[in-house]
Amino acid sequence: MVYAAMQNFGGTKAEFPHLWGDIPGREFIGLSDDDEDEVLATLADHLSL
């Protein structure tokens, strides 16, 4: 998606004059190291059936 980076990281009117105003970053998904370990463990358990 063309606009995905803007929605994820945000932007300011100073950086992008075509914006009506500043857009706050809204991180779509963030994984901590613990979250990543949990996801990988869940996938490993599921795939080992």
C-alpha atoms as a PDB file:
ATOM      1  CA  MET A   1       0.000   0.000   0.000  1.00  0.00           C
ATOM      2  CA  VAL A   2       1.285   3.391  -0.916  1.00  0.00           C
ATOM      3  CA  TYR A   3       0.051   5.050   2.284  1.00  0.00           C
ATOM      4  CA  ALA A   4       1.065   2.301   4.740  1.00  0.00           C
ATOM      5  CA  ALA A   5       4.324   3.970   5.821  1.00  0.00           C
ATOM      6  CA  MET A   6       2.539   7.259   6.543  1.00  0.00           C
ATOM      7  CA  GLN A   7      -0.070   5.502   8.647  1.00  0.00           C
ATOM      8  CA  ASN A   8       2.537   3.439  10.482  1.00  0.00           C
ATOM      9  CA  PHE A   9       5.226   6.059  11.108  1.00  0.00           C
ATOM     10  CA  GLY A  10       3.225   9.279  10.826  1.00  0.00           C
ATOM     11  CA  GLY A  11       4.289  12.535   9.236  1.00  0.00           C
ATOM     12  CA  THR A  12       4.156  16.273   9.675  1.00  0.00           C
ATOM     13  CA  LYS A  13       2.791  18.997   7.444  1.00  0.00           C
ATOM     14  CA  ALA A  14       6.299  20.520   7.412  1.00  0.00           C
ATOM     15  CA  GLU A  15       7.698  17.320   5.852  1.00  0.00           C
ATOM     16  CA  PHE A  16       4.745  16.702   3.524  1.00  0.00           C
ATOM     17  CA  PRO A  17       3.097  20.001   2.458  1.00  0.00           C
ATOM     18  CA  HIS A  18       0.165  18.231   0.778  1.00  0.00           C
ATOM     19  CA  LEU A  19      -1.151  17.057   4.172  1.00  0.00           C
ATOM     20  CA  TRP A  20      -3.959  18.977   5.841  1.00  0.00           C
ATOM     21  CA  GLY A  21      -2.180  18.565   9.173  1.00  0.00           C
ATOM     22  CA  ASP A  22       0.153  16.328  11.128  1.00  0.00           C
ATOM     23  CA  ILE A  23      -0.575  12.602  11.119  1.00  0.00           C
ATOM     24  CA  PRO A  24       0.431  10.718  14.264  1.00  0.00           C
ATOM     25  CA  GLY A  25       2.145   7.373  13.813  1.00  0.00           C
ATOM     26  CA  ARG A  26      -0.098   4.400  14.511  1.00  0.00           C
ATOM     27  CA  GLU A  27       2.114   1.370  14.614  1.00  0.00           C
ATOM     28  CA  PHE A  28       0.163  -1.458  13.055  1.00  0.00           C
ATOM     29  CA  ILE A  29       1.891  -4.243  14.874  1.00  0.00           C
ATOM     30  CA  GLY A  30       4.784  -4.150  17.200  1.00  0.00           C
ATOM     31  CA  LEU A  31       6.451  -7.214  18.591  1.00  0.00           C
ATOM     32  CA  SER A  32       8.774  -7.212  21.536  1.00  0.00           C
ATOM     33  CA  ASP A  33      11.389  -9.951  21.773  1.00  0.00           C
ATOM     34  CA  ASP A  34       9.110 -11.810  24.208  1.00  0.00           C
ATOM     35  CA  ASP A  35       6.143 -11.445  21.833  1.00  0.00           C
ATOM     36  CA  GLU A  36       8.206 -12.789  18.946  1.00  0.00           C
ATOM     37  CA  ASP A  37       9.321 -15.780  21.031  1.00  0.00           C
ATOM     38  CA  GLU A  38       5.699 -16.499  21.969  1.00  0.00           C
ATOM     39  CA  VAL A  39       4.520 -16.325  18.344  1.00  0.00           C
ATOM     40  CA  LEU A  40       7.317 -18.623  17.177  1.00  0.00           C
ATOM     41  CA  ALA A  41       6.614 -21.113  19.982  1.00  0.00           C
ATOM     42  CA  THR A  42       2.910 -21.143  19.131  1.00  0.00           C
ATOM     43  CA  LEU A  43       3.660 -21.735  15.448  1.00  0.00           C
ATOM     44  CA  ALA A  44       6.153 -24.484  16.272  1.00  0.00           C
ATOM     45  CA  ASP A  45       3.574 -26.221  18.493  1.00  0.00           C
ATOM     46  CA  HIS A  46       0.928 -25.965  15.804  1.00  0.00           C
ATOM     47  CA  LEU A  47       3.166 -27.226  13.007  1.00  0.00           C
ATOM     48  CA  SER A  48       4.422 -30.180  15.021  1.00  0.00           C
ATOM     49  CA  LEU A  49       0.974 -31.828  15.115  1.00  0.00           C
END
